[in-house]
Each structure stands twice: as structure tokens, then as C-alpha cells.
Amino acid sequence: MKATKVKVAAAVIAAATLSGGAAVWATTSAPPSTPTTIWACKINVTGLVRVVDGPGQCSSRYETPLSWNVVGPKGATGATGPAGAKGATAYAWWNSNATLLEGSSPGVNGVVFARDSNTNFAVPGVFCFDLVTPATAVVANLTVGFADSYLMAGGAFSSLGTITLSDNQQVTCPDGYQDAIVADSRNDNGFPTTFSAAFF
């Protein structure tokens, strides 16, 4: 009896395939009877599914009609996500002579060279900033000759008090410019360079 059912089911499959009409296999989509519903027939013996134009095209003896929506119902509103990280509070764009490029530094009141703690001379390549909102971190970029770019990044660039640079030189930021500091660690920092930075 089981073998007979398999043969009959195979005949149903063959008939649906050879008809060349509305019946196709689930790997290709036949036009649904309505713009919102897809109809199909599942062959009970094999479990294969074929897409059809409507439920009336399934064999009531050997197949089970199936249907599903083209577009599912709207789901419930999800939970509110966590607050995002705080964005940058200021941006600066300045030259190697410690001058801001006009109109390109929102949130920045000014920039000056740091001072050597022993001689009080200006230290080229070390810049102190007066920001509207003091920063705890900065990511800076420098461009040499409008071609070579270098990325400088670091956290907690507090410029209060005395700062020791990588070469052990000690510098301080003048009063009014102690919100953040950016140091160019290259040896040739006197070469004309354009700097940009985001303060957080």
C-alpha cells in the first residue's frame, strides 16, 4: 500500500510539472491570487511544496493546501536602546604656527604653543587649547605638504599643570589655554603642517 501511494504522488508531481501552467516548484514564485497571499500545495508523502495560484489547485487526496502572507503583520515596538556615546564637543583645524583656520574650528576659542617649564620659551609642535567645553580625550590628524597624513590619538589629554613629553621635556600651557593639549611627536615638527582634531 505504501509503494502505491508513492507512485500516485509521483504522478501528481509529474502532472503538475508537465502542465506548464500555474504550477511551479517553490524555487520560483508564481503570481499569487491576491497581492497579499501566497498559495502552495504540500505533497503529503514527500513533503515537497509547490507554489500555485490558489487553494483549489491542490489535490484534496494527496496534498495539503498552504498559504502565507506576502508581508507579515507589524511586530510590536522594540525596547528603547541604550543611550549612545557622547559625541565630540569641539573640532579644530590649525596650522603649525598655532593659528586656527578661520571658520573651521567650532567649539574652539583659541590655540597657542605650550611653554617650556624652565625657559618659558614657546615649544613648536605642542599646542594648548582654549575650548568652550574642556576635553578629556582628543583624536588628531596632521598633514604634511597636503600629501602625507599621520593619525595621533590618545585619552585624557588634560593640560593642567606640568606635562612631560616623550623626550622628557617639561612644558606647561598658558593660563586660559589649559583645556586640552596636542603634541606632534615627529622630529621635524617645524615643517609646515596642517593639523585637525576632534575633542571629546
Protein backbone atom coordinates (compact mmCIF):
# COMPACT_ATOMS: atom_id res chain seq x y z
CA MET A 1 0.00 0.00 0.00
CA LYS A 2 2.86 2.35 0.83
CA ALA A 3 4.51 1.80 -2.55
CA THR A 4 1.22 2.62 -4.29
CA LYS A 5 0.96 5.98 -2.50
CA VAL A 6 4.46 6.90 -3.60
CA LYS A 7 3.64 6.10 -7.22
CA VAL A 8 0.43 8.15 -7.12
CA ALA A 9 2.24 11.06 -5.53
CA ALA A 10 4.89 10.88 -8.22
CA ALA A 11 2.13 11.02 -10.82
CA VAL A 12 0.73 14.16 -9.19
CA ILE A 13 4.19 15.75 -9.32
CA ALA A 14 4.64 14.82 -12.97
CA ALA A 15 1.23 16.15 -13.93
CA ALA A 16 1.85 19.44 -12.18
CA THR A 17 5.24 19.83 -13.84
CA LEU A 18 4.14 18.92 -17.35
CA SER A 19 1.04 21.10 -17.30
CA GLY A 20 3.29 24.13 -17.83
CA GLY A 21 0.56 26.35 -16.44
CA ALA A 22 0.18 27.79 -13.00
CA ALA A 23 2.02 25.05 -11.10
CA VAL A 24 5.71 25.63 -10.45
CA TRP A 25 8.11 24.49 -7.77
CA ALA A 26 8.84 26.60 -4.72
CA THR A 27 12.21 27.69 -6.11
CA THR A 28 10.33 30.08 -8.42
CA SER A 29 7.38 32.22 -7.41
CA ALA A 30 4.11 32.02 -9.29
CA PRO A 31 1.91 35.12 -9.27
CA PRO A 32 -0.30 34.96 -6.13
CA SER A 33 -4.07 35.09 -6.43
CA THR A 34 -4.06 38.33 -4.45
CA PRO A 35 -1.28 40.85 -3.81
CA THR A 36 -1.14 39.81 -0.15
CA THR A 37 -1.26 35.97 -0.13
CA ILE A 38 0.95 33.19 -1.49
CA TRP A 39 -0.67 29.76 -2.01
CA ALA A 40 1.08 26.40 -2.19
CA CYS A 41 0.44 22.66 -2.10
CA LYS A 42 2.43 20.29 0.10
CA ILE A 43 2.60 16.70 -1.17
CA ASN A 44 1.75 14.60 1.88
CA VAL A 45 4.05 11.65 1.06
CA THR A 46 7.25 13.50 0.13
CA GLY A 47 6.78 16.83 1.89
CA LEU A 48 7.64 18.73 -1.31
CA VAL A 49 5.94 22.09 -1.76
CA ARG A 50 4.83 23.74 -4.98
CA VAL A 51 3.52 27.28 -5.39
CA VAL A 52 0.13 27.63 -7.12
CA ASP A 53 -2.39 30.35 -7.92
CA GLY A 54 -4.94 29.27 -5.31
CA PRO A 55 -6.01 26.54 -2.86
CA GLY A 56 -8.29 24.91 -5.43
CA GLN A 57 -5.29 23.64 -7.40
CA CYS A 58 -4.17 21.20 -4.69
CA SER A 59 -5.14 17.52 -4.82
CA SER A 60 -7.52 17.03 -1.90
CA ARG A 61 -6.43 13.42 -1.61
CA TYR A 62 -2.65 13.69 -1.84
CA GLU A 63 -1.81 17.31 -0.97
CA THR A 64 -2.36 19.83 1.81
CA PRO A 65 -3.01 23.46 0.83
CA LEU A 66 -0.76 26.06 2.44
CA SER A 67 -0.79 29.85 2.45
CA TRP A 68 1.20 32.71 3.92
CA ASN A 69 1.18 36.47 3.72
CA VAL A 70 3.46 38.30 1.32
CA VAL A 71 4.01 40.84 4.11
CA GLY A 72 3.73 39.73 7.72
CA PRO A 73 1.89 41.64 10.41
CA LYS A 74 3.63 44.57 12.05
CA GLY A 75 5.61 43.49 15.09
CA ALA A 76 5.49 45.05 18.50
CA THR A 77 7.63 48.11 19.14
CA GLY A 78 11.01 47.09 20.46
CA ALA A 79 12.56 48.24 23.69
CA THR A 80 14.36 51.56 23.78
CA GLY A 81 18.07 51.10 23.16
CA PRO A 82 20.82 52.40 25.43
CA ALA A 83 21.98 55.96 25.12
CA GLY A 84 24.74 56.46 22.57
CA ALA A 85 28.25 57.56 23.43
CA LYS A 86 28.89 61.24 23.86
CA GLY A 87 30.00 62.86 20.63
CA ALA A 88 32.79 65.33 20.09
CA THR A 89 32.34 68.67 21.83
CA ALA A 90 34.73 70.61 19.59
CA TYR A 91 36.71 70.43 16.36
CA ALA A 92 39.88 72.28 15.48
CA TRP A 93 41.79 72.91 12.29
CA TRP A 94 45.04 74.83 12.65
CA ASN A 95 48.46 75.48 11.15
CA SER A 96 51.90 74.58 12.51
CA ASN A 97 52.35 78.23 13.59
CA ALA A 98 49.48 77.78 16.11
CA THR A 99 46.84 79.75 14.21
CA LEU A 100 43.31 78.46 13.74
CA LEU A 101 41.90 78.31 10.23
CA GLU A 102 39.05 80.79 10.31
CA GLY A 103 35.55 79.34 10.39
CA SER A 104 36.77 75.75 10.72
CA SER A 105 37.00 75.25 14.48
CA PRO A 106 33.59 75.12 16.19
CA GLY A 107 33.81 74.91 19.97
CA VAL A 108 37.41 76.22 20.00
CA ASN A 109 38.21 79.70 21.32
CA GLY A 110 41.93 79.62 20.54
CA VAL A 111 45.23 77.74 20.34
CA VAL A 112 48.78 78.70 21.41
CA PHE A 113 52.15 76.98 21.75
CA ALA A 114 52.94 75.32 25.04
CA ARG A 115 55.78 76.82 27.07
CA ASP A 116 58.98 75.18 28.26
CA SER A 117 58.68 74.89 32.02
CA ASN A 118 62.29 76.01 32.56
CA THR A 119 62.79 78.75 29.96
CA ASN A 120 59.17 79.78 29.30
CA PHE A 121 60.01 79.71 25.59
CA ALA A 122 57.35 78.56 23.14
CA VAL A 123 57.58 74.88 22.21
CA PRO A 124 56.77 74.39 18.49
CA GLY A 125 54.67 71.33 17.78
CA VAL A 126 52.98 71.33 21.19
CA PHE A 127 49.62 73.10 21.15
CA CYS A 128 47.40 74.19 24.03
CA PHE A 129 43.71 74.88 23.53
CA ASP A 130 41.03 77.11 24.96
CA LEU A 131 37.79 75.17 24.39
CA VAL A 132 34.19 76.11 25.02
CA THR A 133 33.86 72.74 26.85
CA PRO A 134 37.01 71.18 28.41
CA ALA A 135 38.01 67.85 26.85
CA THR A 136 39.10 64.54 28.34
CA ALA A 137 40.30 62.96 25.07
CA VAL A 138 41.36 64.05 21.61
CA VAL A 139 41.95 62.40 18.24
CA ALA A 140 44.19 64.46 15.97
CA ASN A 141 45.49 64.21 12.42
CA LEU A 142 48.33 66.07 10.73
CA THR A 143 49.00 66.56 7.04
CA VAL A 144 52.49 67.38 5.72
CA GLY A 145 52.64 69.11 2.36
CA PHE A 146 48.97 68.23 1.73
CA ALA A 147 50.05 64.67 0.98
CA ASP A 148 51.34 62.59 3.88
CA SER A 149 48.89 62.14 6.76
CA TYR A 150 49.51 60.79 10.24
CA LEU A 151 46.96 59.92 12.91
CA MET A 152 47.58 60.81 16.53
CA ALA A 153 45.19 59.57 19.19
CA GLY A 154 45.11 59.47 22.94
CA GLY A 155 42.94 59.76 26.01
CA ALA A 156 42.70 62.24 28.88
CA PHE A 157 44.83 65.00 27.36
CA SER A 158 44.48 67.20 30.42
CA SER A 159 46.78 70.19 30.12
CA LEU A 160 46.61 71.37 33.72
CA GLY A 161 49.97 71.61 35.47
CA THR A 162 53.30 70.43 34.07
CA ILE A 163 53.34 67.90 31.22
CA THR A 164 56.34 65.68 30.46
CA LEU A 165 56.77 64.93 26.76
CA SER A 166 58.19 61.72 25.31
CA ASP A 167 61.68 63.30 25.18
CA ASN A 168 61.36 64.21 28.90
CA GLN A 169 60.94 67.89 28.10
CA GLN A 170 58.54 69.53 30.54
CA VAL A 171 56.01 72.02 29.27
CA THR A 172 53.07 73.99 30.63
CA CYS A 173 50.06 75.55 28.98
CA PRO A 174 49.48 79.28 29.49
CA ASP A 175 46.53 80.46 31.56
CA GLY A 176 43.32 80.35 29.56
CA TYR A 177 44.62 77.57 27.30
CA GLN A 178 44.52 74.62 29.66
CA ASP A 179 41.53 72.67 28.31
CA ALA A 180 43.46 70.25 26.07
CA ILE A 181 46.87 69.66 24.55
CA VAL A 182 48.09 68.07 21.30
CA ALA A 183 51.77 67.24 20.81
CA ASP A 184 53.40 66.49 17.45
CA SER A 185 55.92 63.77 18.30
CA ARG A 186 57.79 63.94 14.97
CA ASN A 187 61.35 65.23 14.96
CA ASP A 188 60.64 67.58 12.04
CA ASN A 189 57.65 69.30 13.61
CA GLY A 190 58.87 72.66 12.37
CA PHE A 191 57.94 71.72 8.81
CA PRO A 192 54.74 73.48 7.62
CA THR A 193 51.90 71.21 8.62
CA THR A 194 48.13 71.39 8.88
CA PHE A 195 46.51 69.82 11.93
CA SER A 196 42.94 68.79 12.69
CA ALA A 197 41.45 67.36 15.86
CA ALA A 198 38.21 66.26 17.46
CA PHE A 199 37.86 66.81 21.20
CA PHE A 200 35.69 64.63 23.44
